[in-house]
Amino acid sequence: MPTDETSTQSDFSVFGLDPRIAKVLTEQGFETPTPIQSAAIPNLLAGRDVIGRSRTGSGKTAAFALPALERIKDGAKGPRVLVLAPTRELALQVTEAVRTFARDLPVRVVCVYGGASYTPQLKALRSGAQFIVATPGRLLDHLERGNIDLSGIETLILDEADEMLRMGFIEAVEQVLAATPK
C-alpha cells in the first residue's frame, strides 16, 4: 500500500460514500483525503484486506472507519464491525471519531474498555450496537461472560496492531479472532 509520500485523491466524493457520511465529512472540514485515506478507502470498500501504516494524525481512523460505516449503514442490529485498540485512551478516541462520522446513520457505536463499569457497556451491547471499539482484555471478559456474540462480525480492524503486540496482547487477539468468522 502507498505510504504518506504518495499523492491524494481530489476530494471524498470519488469514494461514492453515502450522502449522510459525506455531509458529516463536509461539516467537519474534511476536504481532501490524506494519502492513507486515498490508498485504503477504495480497497476497503471493495472488500479487500488492508495493512496500513501512517504517521499519527494522518487520518488512519477515517481511513478504516468510513468504509466500515458504509458497509453497515443499513443499521441491521448486532455486532458487525469490531475495532481492537491497545489502550482505553485510543479506544475512546476512535469511538468519538466513529460516532461523529456515524451521526446521521442508524448505527450504534459502543466502546468496551477496562476500568469502567460493565453495566453501561452491557446495556449498549444488548441494545444491538453494530460498531464495537474495544480493548482486548475487556472484550475477552465480555466474551467469557457471554455478553457478546462476534459471529456476525463483517469487518475487523486491529488499530495500532504493532503496539498491541508489543504490549503482549497476542493471545488475547488470537482468542478474539477465533470468536469471529473466517
N, C-alpha and C. Protein backbone atom coordinates (compact mmCIF):
# COMPACT_ATOMS: atom_id res chain seq x y z
N MET A 1 0.84 -1.17 0.00
CA MET A 1 0.00 0.00 0.00
C MET A 1 0.89 1.23 0.00
N PRO A 2 0.49 2.30 -0.71
CA PRO A 2 1.29 3.51 -0.74
C PRO A 2 1.45 4.11 0.66
N THR A 3 2.53 4.83 0.84
CA THR A 3 2.79 5.46 2.13
C THR A 3 2.44 6.94 2.06
N ASP A 4 2.81 7.68 3.09
CA ASP A 4 2.47 9.09 3.19
C ASP A 4 2.98 9.94 2.03
N GLU A 5 3.98 9.48 1.33
CA GLU A 5 4.58 10.30 0.29
C GLU A 5 3.79 10.28 -1.02
N THR A 6 2.77 9.44 -1.13
CA THR A 6 2.04 9.35 -2.39
C THR A 6 1.03 10.48 -2.51
N SER A 7 0.53 10.69 -3.71
CA SER A 7 -0.44 11.76 -3.93
C SER A 7 -1.82 11.35 -3.42
N THR A 8 -2.68 12.35 -3.26
CA THR A 8 -4.02 12.10 -2.74
C THR A 8 -5.05 12.24 -3.84
N GLN A 9 -6.25 11.71 -3.59
CA GLN A 9 -7.38 11.91 -4.49
C GLN A 9 -7.82 13.36 -4.33
N SER A 10 -8.64 13.87 -5.26
CA SER A 10 -9.02 15.27 -5.21
C SER A 10 -9.98 15.59 -4.07
N ASP A 11 -11.00 14.78 -3.85
CA ASP A 11 -11.90 15.00 -2.73
C ASP A 11 -12.62 13.70 -2.38
N PHE A 12 -13.38 13.72 -1.31
CA PHE A 12 -14.01 12.50 -0.82
C PHE A 12 -15.13 11.98 -1.72
N SER A 13 -15.63 12.81 -2.63
CA SER A 13 -16.73 12.37 -3.50
C SER A 13 -16.32 11.21 -4.40
N VAL A 14 -15.02 11.06 -4.67
CA VAL A 14 -14.57 9.98 -5.55
C VAL A 14 -14.85 8.60 -4.95
N PHE A 15 -15.08 8.54 -3.64
CA PHE A 15 -15.31 7.25 -2.99
C PHE A 15 -16.77 6.79 -3.07
N GLY A 16 -17.68 7.69 -3.41
CA GLY A 16 -19.09 7.33 -3.51
C GLY A 16 -19.71 6.98 -2.17
N LEU A 17 -19.27 7.65 -1.11
CA LEU A 17 -19.81 7.38 0.22
C LEU A 17 -21.25 7.86 0.33
N ASP A 18 -22.00 7.23 1.22
CA ASP A 18 -23.38 7.61 1.50
C ASP A 18 -23.45 9.12 1.73
N PRO A 19 -24.47 9.79 1.20
CA PRO A 19 -24.59 11.24 1.37
C PRO A 19 -24.61 11.69 2.83
N ARG A 20 -25.12 10.85 3.73
CA ARG A 20 -25.14 11.21 5.15
C ARG A 20 -23.73 11.26 5.71
N ILE A 21 -22.87 10.36 5.26
CA ILE A 21 -21.47 10.37 5.69
C ILE A 21 -20.76 11.55 5.05
N ALA A 22 -21.00 11.77 3.75
CA ALA A 22 -20.36 12.87 3.03
C ALA A 22 -20.72 14.21 3.67
N LYS A 23 -21.95 14.36 4.11
CA LYS A 23 -22.39 15.60 4.75
C LYS A 23 -21.60 15.85 6.04
N VAL A 24 -21.43 14.82 6.84
CA VAL A 24 -20.66 14.96 8.08
C VAL A 24 -19.21 15.32 7.77
N LEU A 25 -18.64 14.68 6.77
CA LEU A 25 -17.25 14.99 6.40
C LEU A 25 -17.11 16.47 6.02
N THR A 26 -18.05 16.96 5.23
CA THR A 26 -18.02 18.37 4.84
C THR A 26 -18.14 19.27 6.06
N GLU A 27 -19.09 18.95 6.93
CA GLU A 27 -19.30 19.76 8.13
C GLU A 27 -18.08 19.73 9.06
N GLN A 28 -17.35 18.63 9.05
CA GLN A 28 -16.17 18.51 9.90
C GLN A 28 -14.92 19.09 9.24
N GLY A 29 -15.06 19.60 8.03
CA GLY A 29 -13.94 20.26 7.37
C GLY A 29 -13.02 19.32 6.59
N PHE A 30 -13.47 18.08 6.36
CA PHE A 30 -12.69 17.16 5.55
C PHE A 30 -12.85 17.57 4.09
N GLU A 31 -11.74 17.92 3.44
CA GLU A 31 -11.82 18.36 2.05
C GLU A 31 -11.10 17.40 1.12
N THR A 32 -9.85 17.15 1.42
CA THR A 32 -9.01 16.32 0.56
C THR A 32 -8.54 15.10 1.34
N PRO A 33 -8.76 13.91 0.81
CA PRO A 33 -8.27 12.71 1.51
C PRO A 33 -6.76 12.74 1.67
N THR A 34 -6.31 12.23 2.79
CA THR A 34 -4.88 12.09 3.02
C THR A 34 -4.38 10.89 2.23
N PRO A 35 -3.08 10.73 2.09
CA PRO A 35 -2.57 9.57 1.35
C PRO A 35 -3.07 8.23 1.90
N ILE A 36 -3.11 8.05 3.22
CA ILE A 36 -3.58 6.77 3.76
C ILE A 36 -5.06 6.56 3.43
N GLN A 37 -5.83 7.63 3.44
CA GLN A 37 -7.25 7.52 3.10
C GLN A 37 -7.43 7.21 1.61
N SER A 38 -6.66 7.87 0.77
CA SER A 38 -6.74 7.62 -0.68
C SER A 38 -6.36 6.19 -1.03
N ALA A 39 -5.41 5.64 -0.29
CA ALA A 39 -4.96 4.28 -0.57
C ALA A 39 -5.89 3.24 0.04
N ALA A 40 -6.36 3.48 1.26
CA ALA A 40 -7.12 2.46 1.98
C ALA A 40 -8.60 2.42 1.63
N ILE A 41 -9.25 3.57 1.56
CA ILE A 41 -10.71 3.59 1.42
C ILE A 41 -11.20 2.80 0.21
N PRO A 42 -10.67 3.01 -1.00
CA PRO A 42 -11.18 2.24 -2.14
C PRO A 42 -10.98 0.72 -1.96
N ASN A 43 -9.86 0.34 -1.40
CA ASN A 43 -9.59 -1.08 -1.20
C ASN A 43 -10.54 -1.68 -0.15
N LEU A 44 -10.78 -0.95 0.92
CA LEU A 44 -11.69 -1.45 1.95
C LEU A 44 -13.12 -1.48 1.44
N LEU A 45 -13.52 -0.49 0.67
CA LEU A 45 -14.86 -0.51 0.09
C LEU A 45 -15.04 -1.69 -0.85
N ALA A 46 -13.96 -2.11 -1.49
CA ALA A 46 -14.00 -3.27 -2.39
C ALA A 46 -13.93 -4.60 -1.63
N GLY A 47 -13.81 -4.53 -0.31
CA GLY A 47 -13.78 -5.75 0.50
C GLY A 47 -12.42 -6.40 0.62
N ARG A 48 -11.38 -5.67 0.27
CA ARG A 48 -10.03 -6.23 0.36
C ARG A 48 -9.46 -6.05 1.77
N ASP A 49 -8.57 -6.94 2.13
CA ASP A 49 -7.81 -6.79 3.37
C ASP A 49 -6.74 -5.73 3.14
N VAL A 50 -6.51 -4.93 4.16
CA VAL A 50 -5.55 -3.84 4.04
C VAL A 50 -4.67 -3.80 5.29
N ILE A 51 -3.40 -3.58 5.07
CA ILE A 51 -2.48 -3.25 6.15
C ILE A 51 -2.02 -1.84 5.86
N GLY A 52 -2.33 -0.93 6.77
CA GLY A 52 -1.98 0.47 6.58
C GLY A 52 -0.97 0.92 7.61
N ARG A 53 -0.07 1.75 7.16
CA ARG A 53 0.94 2.29 8.06
C ARG A 53 1.11 3.76 7.73
N SER A 54 0.91 4.60 8.75
CA SER A 54 0.99 6.02 8.52
C SER A 54 1.22 6.72 9.85
N ARG A 55 1.75 7.92 9.79
CA ARG A 55 2.05 8.69 11.00
C ARG A 55 0.80 9.02 11.80
N THR A 56 0.99 9.33 13.07
CA THR A 56 -0.07 9.83 13.92
C THR A 56 -0.60 11.13 13.32
N GLY A 57 -1.92 11.27 13.30
CA GLY A 57 -2.53 12.48 12.77
C GLY A 57 -2.73 12.48 11.27
N SER A 58 -2.48 11.34 10.62
CA SER A 58 -2.58 11.28 9.16
C SER A 58 -3.95 10.85 8.66
N GLY A 59 -4.87 10.58 9.56
CA GLY A 59 -6.22 10.22 9.13
C GLY A 59 -6.50 8.74 9.06
N LYS A 60 -5.75 7.93 9.80
CA LYS A 60 -5.96 6.48 9.75
C LYS A 60 -7.36 6.08 10.22
N THR A 61 -7.87 6.74 11.27
CA THR A 61 -9.18 6.36 11.78
C THR A 61 -10.25 6.53 10.71
N ALA A 62 -10.26 7.66 10.03
CA ALA A 62 -11.22 7.86 8.94
C ALA A 62 -10.98 6.85 7.82
N ALA A 63 -9.71 6.51 7.58
CA ALA A 63 -9.38 5.56 6.50
C ALA A 63 -10.05 4.21 6.72
N PHE A 64 -10.16 3.75 7.98
CA PHE A 64 -10.83 2.47 8.20
C PHE A 64 -12.28 2.62 8.62
N ALA A 65 -12.63 3.70 9.30
CA ALA A 65 -13.99 3.86 9.81
C ALA A 65 -15.00 4.17 8.71
N LEU A 66 -14.64 5.01 7.76
CA LEU A 66 -15.59 5.39 6.71
C LEU A 66 -16.05 4.19 5.89
N PRO A 67 -15.13 3.35 5.39
CA PRO A 67 -15.60 2.17 4.65
C PRO A 67 -16.40 1.20 5.53
N ALA A 68 -16.00 1.06 6.79
CA ALA A 68 -16.74 0.17 7.69
C ALA A 68 -18.16 0.68 7.88
N LEU A 69 -18.32 1.97 8.08
CA LEU A 69 -19.67 2.55 8.23
C LEU A 69 -20.47 2.41 6.95
N GLU A 70 -19.84 2.60 5.83
CA GLU A 70 -20.52 2.45 4.54
C GLU A 70 -21.11 1.04 4.41
N ARG A 71 -20.39 0.06 4.91
CA ARG A 71 -20.83 -1.34 4.78
C ARG A 71 -21.98 -1.68 5.72
N ILE A 72 -22.14 -0.94 6.82
CA ILE A 72 -23.19 -1.28 7.79
C ILE A 72 -24.24 -0.18 7.92
N LYS A 73 -24.29 0.73 6.98
CA LYS A 73 -25.18 1.88 7.06
C LYS A 73 -26.66 1.51 7.08
N ASP A 74 -27.00 0.26 6.76
CA ASP A 74 -28.40 -0.16 6.79
C ASP A 74 -28.93 -0.26 8.22
N GLY A 75 -28.04 -0.33 9.20
CA GLY A 75 -28.46 -0.33 10.59
C GLY A 75 -28.90 -1.67 11.15
N ALA A 76 -28.70 -2.77 10.40
CA ALA A 76 -29.07 -4.10 10.94
C ALA A 76 -28.37 -4.30 12.28
N LYS A 77 -29.12 -4.77 13.26
CA LYS A 77 -28.60 -4.84 14.63
C LYS A 77 -27.60 -5.98 14.84
N GLY A 78 -26.79 -5.79 15.86
CA GLY A 78 -25.79 -6.78 16.25
C GLY A 78 -24.41 -6.38 15.81
N PRO A 79 -23.40 -6.86 16.51
CA PRO A 79 -22.01 -6.50 16.18
C PRO A 79 -21.63 -6.89 14.76
N ARG A 80 -21.23 -5.90 13.97
CA ARG A 80 -20.83 -6.13 12.58
C ARG A 80 -19.43 -5.62 12.29
N VAL A 81 -18.99 -4.62 13.07
CA VAL A 81 -17.64 -4.08 12.93
C VAL A 81 -16.99 -4.12 14.31
N LEU A 82 -15.75 -4.59 14.34
CA LEU A 82 -15.00 -4.64 15.59
C LEU A 82 -13.64 -3.99 15.37
N VAL A 83 -13.35 -3.01 16.20
CA VAL A 83 -12.03 -2.37 16.21
C VAL A 83 -11.38 -2.72 17.53
N LEU A 84 -10.23 -3.36 17.47
CA LEU A 84 -9.45 -3.62 18.69
C LEU A 84 -8.37 -2.55 18.79
N ALA A 85 -8.30 -1.95 19.96
CA ALA A 85 -7.30 -0.91 20.23
C ALA A 85 -6.52 -1.30 21.47
N PRO A 86 -5.24 -1.00 21.53
CA PRO A 86 -4.42 -1.45 22.65
C PRO A 86 -4.68 -0.74 23.97
N THR A 87 -5.20 0.48 23.92
CA THR A 87 -5.39 1.24 25.15
C THR A 87 -6.79 1.83 25.23
N ARG A 88 -7.21 2.10 26.44
CA ARG A 88 -8.51 2.74 26.68
C ARG A 88 -8.55 4.10 26.00
N GLU A 89 -7.44 4.85 26.08
CA GLU A 89 -7.40 6.18 25.51
C GLU A 89 -7.62 6.14 24.00
N LEU A 90 -6.96 5.22 23.32
CA LEU A 90 -7.14 5.09 21.88
C LEU A 90 -8.56 4.62 21.57
N ALA A 91 -9.06 3.67 22.33
CA ALA A 91 -10.42 3.17 22.11
C ALA A 91 -11.44 4.30 22.22
N LEU A 92 -11.29 5.14 23.22
CA LEU A 92 -12.20 6.28 23.40
C LEU A 92 -12.07 7.29 22.26
N GLN A 93 -10.84 7.53 21.83
CA GLN A 93 -10.60 8.46 20.71
C GLN A 93 -11.24 7.95 19.43
N VAL A 94 -11.06 6.67 19.13
CA VAL A 94 -11.64 6.08 17.93
C VAL A 94 -13.16 6.12 18.01
N THR A 95 -13.71 5.79 19.19
CA THR A 95 -15.16 5.80 19.37
C THR A 95 -15.73 7.19 19.10
N GLU A 96 -15.08 8.20 19.62
CA GLU A 96 -15.56 9.57 19.41
C GLU A 96 -15.58 9.92 17.92
N ALA A 97 -14.52 9.58 17.21
CA ALA A 97 -14.46 9.86 15.77
C ALA A 97 -15.54 9.09 15.01
N VAL A 98 -15.70 7.81 15.33
CA VAL A 98 -16.69 6.99 14.62
C VAL A 98 -18.10 7.52 14.90
N ARG A 99 -18.37 7.88 16.14
CA ARG A 99 -19.70 8.45 16.46
C ARG A 99 -19.96 9.70 15.65
N THR A 100 -18.95 10.51 15.46
CA THR A 100 -19.11 11.72 14.65
C THR A 100 -19.44 11.34 13.21
N PHE A 101 -18.65 10.44 12.62
CA PHE A 101 -18.89 10.03 11.24
C PHE A 101 -20.27 9.38 11.07
N ALA A 102 -20.72 8.65 12.08
CA ALA A 102 -21.98 7.89 12.00
C ALA A 102 -23.18 8.69 12.48
N ARG A 103 -22.97 9.94 12.79
CA ARG A 103 -24.02 10.76 13.42
C ARG A 103 -25.39 10.64 12.75
N ASP A 104 -25.46 10.63 11.43
CA ASP A 104 -26.73 10.62 10.71
C ASP A 104 -27.13 9.23 10.22
N LEU A 105 -26.42 8.20 10.66
CA LEU A 105 -26.72 6.82 10.26
C LEU A 105 -27.43 6.09 11.40
N PRO A 106 -28.20 5.06 11.08
CA PRO A 106 -28.84 4.25 12.12
C PRO A 106 -27.87 3.20 12.67
N VAL A 107 -26.71 3.68 13.11
CA VAL A 107 -25.64 2.81 13.59
C VAL A 107 -25.30 3.21 15.01
N ARG A 108 -25.28 2.22 15.90
CA ARG A 108 -24.90 2.46 17.29
C ARG A 108 -23.44 2.05 17.47
N VAL A 109 -22.70 2.90 18.16
CA VAL A 109 -21.27 2.66 18.40
C VAL A 109 -21.09 2.52 19.91
N VAL A 110 -20.37 1.48 20.33
CA VAL A 110 -20.10 1.29 21.76
C VAL A 110 -18.60 1.09 21.96
N CYS A 111 -18.13 1.65 23.06
CA CYS A 111 -16.73 1.49 23.44
C CYS A 111 -16.68 0.57 24.65
N VAL A 112 -15.89 -0.50 24.55
CA VAL A 112 -15.76 -1.51 25.58
C VAL A 112 -14.31 -1.52 26.05
N TYR A 113 -14.10 -1.10 27.31
CA TYR A 113 -12.73 -1.00 27.81
C TYR A 113 -12.72 -1.20 29.31
N GLY A 114 -11.58 -1.62 29.82
CA GLY A 114 -11.42 -1.85 31.25
C GLY A 114 -11.34 -0.55 32.03
N GLY A 115 -11.57 -0.67 33.33
CA GLY A 115 -11.52 0.50 34.19
C GLY A 115 -12.82 1.26 34.22
N ALA A 116 -13.85 0.71 33.59
CA ALA A 116 -15.18 1.34 33.57
C ALA A 116 -16.20 0.28 33.97
N SER A 117 -17.35 0.73 34.38
CA SER A 117 -18.43 -0.17 34.79
C SER A 117 -18.88 -1.05 33.62
N TYR A 118 -19.18 -2.31 33.94
CA TYR A 118 -19.72 -3.22 32.93
C TYR A 118 -21.13 -2.83 32.52
N THR A 119 -21.90 -2.27 33.44
CA THR A 119 -23.33 -2.06 33.22
C THR A 119 -23.64 -1.24 31.96
N PRO A 120 -23.06 -0.04 31.78
CA PRO A 120 -23.37 0.71 30.55
C PRO A 120 -22.89 -0.01 29.29
N GLN A 121 -21.74 -0.68 29.39
CA GLN A 121 -21.24 -1.42 28.23
C GLN A 121 -22.17 -2.56 27.88
N LEU A 122 -22.60 -3.29 28.89
CA LEU A 122 -23.52 -4.41 28.68
C LEU A 122 -24.84 -3.92 28.09
N LYS A 123 -25.36 -2.83 28.60
CA LYS A 123 -26.60 -2.26 28.08
C LYS A 123 -26.44 -1.89 26.61
N ALA A 124 -25.32 -1.26 26.26
CA ALA A 124 -25.08 -0.86 24.87
C ALA A 124 -24.93 -2.09 23.97
N LEU A 125 -24.25 -3.11 24.46
CA LEU A 125 -24.10 -4.34 23.66
C LEU A 125 -25.46 -5.01 23.45
N ARG A 126 -26.27 -5.06 24.48
CA ARG A 126 -27.58 -5.70 24.39
C ARG A 126 -28.56 -4.91 23.53
N SER A 127 -28.28 -3.63 23.36
CA SER A 127 -29.18 -2.78 22.55
C SER A 127 -28.98 -3.01 21.05
N GLY A 128 -28.00 -3.84 20.70
CA GLY A 128 -27.79 -4.15 19.29
C GLY A 128 -26.74 -3.31 18.60
N ALA A 129 -25.81 -2.75 19.36
CA ALA A 129 -24.76 -1.92 18.76
C ALA A 129 -24.07 -2.68 17.63
N GLN A 130 -23.85 -1.97 16.53
CA GLN A 130 -23.24 -2.58 15.35
C GLN A 130 -21.74 -2.36 15.27
N PHE A 131 -21.26 -1.28 15.83
CA PHE A 131 -19.86 -0.90 15.71
C PHE A 131 -19.25 -0.94 17.10
N ILE A 132 -18.37 -1.90 17.34
CA ILE A 132 -17.76 -2.10 18.65
C ILE A 132 -16.29 -1.68 18.58
N VAL A 133 -15.90 -0.81 19.50
CA VAL A 133 -14.49 -0.45 19.66
C VAL A 133 -14.10 -0.96 21.03
N ALA A 134 -13.04 -1.77 21.12
CA ALA A 134 -12.74 -2.43 22.39
C ALA A 134 -11.26 -2.62 22.61
N THR A 135 -10.92 -2.69 23.89
CA THR A 135 -9.59 -3.15 24.25
C THR A 135 -9.67 -4.67 24.38
N PRO A 136 -8.59 -5.37 24.09
CA PRO A 136 -8.65 -6.84 24.08
C PRO A 136 -9.10 -7.45 25.40
N GLY A 137 -8.56 -6.99 26.51
CA GLY A 137 -8.88 -7.59 27.80
C GLY A 137 -10.35 -7.50 28.16
N ARG A 138 -10.92 -6.32 28.05
CA ARG A 138 -12.33 -6.15 28.41
C ARG A 138 -13.23 -6.89 27.42
N LEU A 139 -12.86 -6.91 26.15
CA LEU A 139 -13.67 -7.65 25.18
C LEU A 139 -13.67 -9.13 25.54
N LEU A 140 -12.51 -9.67 25.93
CA LEU A 140 -12.46 -11.08 26.34
C LEU A 140 -13.33 -11.32 27.57
N ASP A 141 -13.34 -10.38 28.51
CA ASP A 141 -14.22 -10.50 29.67
C ASP A 141 -15.68 -10.64 29.23
N HIS A 142 -16.10 -9.79 28.31
CA HIS A 142 -17.48 -9.84 27.82
C HIS A 142 -17.74 -11.14 27.05
N LEU A 143 -16.76 -11.59 26.29
CA LEU A 143 -16.92 -12.87 25.57
C LEU A 143 -17.09 -14.03 26.55
N GLU A 144 -16.22 -14.07 27.56
CA GLU A 144 -16.26 -15.17 28.54
C GLU A 144 -17.56 -15.17 29.33
N ARG A 145 -18.16 -14.01 29.54
CA ARG A 145 -19.42 -13.90 30.27
C ARG A 145 -20.63 -14.14 29.35
N GLY A 146 -20.38 -14.28 28.06
CA GLY A 146 -21.48 -14.49 27.13
C GLY A 146 -22.25 -13.22 26.81
N ASN A 147 -21.64 -12.07 27.02
CA ASN A 147 -22.31 -10.79 26.81
C ASN A 147 -22.28 -10.33 25.36
N ILE A 148 -21.45 -10.95 24.55
CA ILE A 148 -21.31 -10.50 23.16
C ILE A 148 -21.09 -11.71 22.27
N ASP A 149 -21.68 -11.65 21.10
CA ASP A 149 -21.53 -12.69 20.09
C ASP A 149 -20.85 -12.05 18.89
N LEU A 150 -19.69 -12.52 18.54
CA LEU A 150 -18.93 -11.94 17.43
C LEU A 150 -19.11 -12.69 16.12
N SER A 151 -20.07 -13.60 16.07
CA SER A 151 -20.25 -14.42 14.87
C SER A 151 -20.75 -13.62 13.67
N GLY A 152 -21.27 -12.42 13.89
CA GLY A 152 -21.76 -11.59 12.79
C GLY A 152 -20.78 -10.51 12.35
N ILE A 153 -19.57 -10.55 12.89
CA ILE A 153 -18.58 -9.53 12.52
C ILE A 153 -18.24 -9.65 11.04
N GLU A 154 -18.35 -8.53 10.34
CA GLU A 154 -18.02 -8.45 8.91
C GLU A 154 -16.69 -7.77 8.67
N THR A 155 -16.33 -6.88 9.58
CA THR A 155 -15.10 -6.11 9.44
C THR A 155 -14.37 -6.11 10.78
N LEU A 156 -13.10 -6.47 10.75
CA LEU A 156 -12.27 -6.47 11.95
C LEU A 156 -11.05 -5.59 11.70
N ILE A 157 -10.84 -4.65 12.60
CA ILE A 157 -9.73 -3.72 12.47
C ILE A 157 -8.84 -3.85 13.70
N LEU A 158 -7.56 -4.03 13.49
CA LEU A 158 -6.59 -4.01 14.58
C LEU A 158 -5.89 -2.66 14.51
N ASP A 159 -6.34 -1.73 15.34
CA ASP A 159 -5.75 -0.39 15.34
C ASP A 159 -4.48 -0.42 16.18
N GLU A 160 -3.42 0.11 15.62
CA GLU A 160 -2.10 0.07 16.27
C GLU A 160 -1.74 -1.36 16.66
N ALA A 161 -1.86 -2.25 15.69
CA ALA A 161 -1.57 -3.67 15.92
C ALA A 161 -0.16 -3.89 16.46
N ASP A 162 0.80 -3.12 15.95
CA ASP A 162 2.16 -3.29 16.43
C ASP A 162 2.26 -2.98 17.92
N GLU A 163 1.57 -1.96 18.36
CA GLU A 163 1.58 -1.59 19.78
C GLU A 163 0.86 -2.67 20.61
N MET A 164 -0.24 -3.19 20.08
CA MET A 164 -0.98 -4.23 20.78
C MET A 164 -0.09 -5.46 21.00
N LEU A 165 0.65 -5.83 19.99
CA LEU A 165 1.53 -6.99 20.10
C LEU A 165 2.70 -6.70 21.03
N ARG A 166 3.25 -5.49 20.94
CA ARG A 166 4.35 -5.10 21.81
C ARG A 166 3.92 -5.14 23.27
N MET A 167 2.65 -4.84 23.53
CA MET A 167 2.13 -4.81 24.90
C MET A 167 1.75 -6.21 25.40
N GLY A 168 1.92 -7.23 24.54
CA GLY A 168 1.68 -8.60 24.98
C GLY A 168 0.25 -9.10 24.79
N PHE A 169 -0.48 -8.50 23.88
CA PHE A 169 -1.87 -8.89 23.67
C PHE A 169 -2.06 -9.98 22.61
N ILE A 170 -1.00 -10.63 22.16
CA ILE A 170 -1.13 -11.60 21.08
C ILE A 170 -2.13 -12.70 21.41
N GLU A 171 -2.07 -13.26 22.61
CA GLU A 171 -3.02 -14.33 22.97
C GLU A 171 -4.45 -13.81 22.99
N ALA A 172 -4.66 -12.62 23.52
CA ALA A 172 -6.00 -12.04 23.56
C ALA A 172 -6.51 -11.79 22.14
N VAL A 173 -5.66 -11.27 21.28
CA VAL A 173 -6.06 -11.02 19.90
C VAL A 173 -6.41 -12.34 19.21
N GLU A 174 -5.62 -13.37 19.44
CA GLU A 174 -5.91 -14.67 18.84
C GLU A 174 -7.24 -15.22 19.33
N GLN A 175 -7.55 -15.05 20.62
CA GLN A 175 -8.83 -15.52 21.16
C GLN A 175 -10.00 -14.74 20.52
N VAL A 176 -9.84 -13.46 20.36
CA VAL A 176 -10.88 -12.66 19.72
C VAL A 176 -11.06 -13.11 18.28
N LEU A 177 -9.96 -13.27 17.56
CA LEU A 177 -10.05 -13.71 16.17
C LEU A 177 -10.76 -15.07 16.06
N ALA A 178 -10.51 -15.94 17.01
CA ALA A 178 -11.15 -17.26 16.99
C ALA A 178 -12.67 -17.16 17.17
N ALA A 179 -13.14 -16.07 17.78
CA ALA A 179 -14.58 -15.89 18.02
C ALA A 179 -15.27 -15.19 16.86
N THR A 180 -14.51 -14.79 15.83
CA THR A 180 -15.09 -14.10 14.67
C THR A 180 -15.12 -15.04 13.46
N PRO A 181 -15.97 -14.73 12.48
CA PRO A 181 -15.98 -15.56 11.26
C PRO A 181 -14.65 -15.47 10.51
N LYS A 182 -14.34 -16.51 9.76
CA LYS A 182 -13.09 -16.51 8.98
C LYS A 182 -13.15 -15.42 7.94
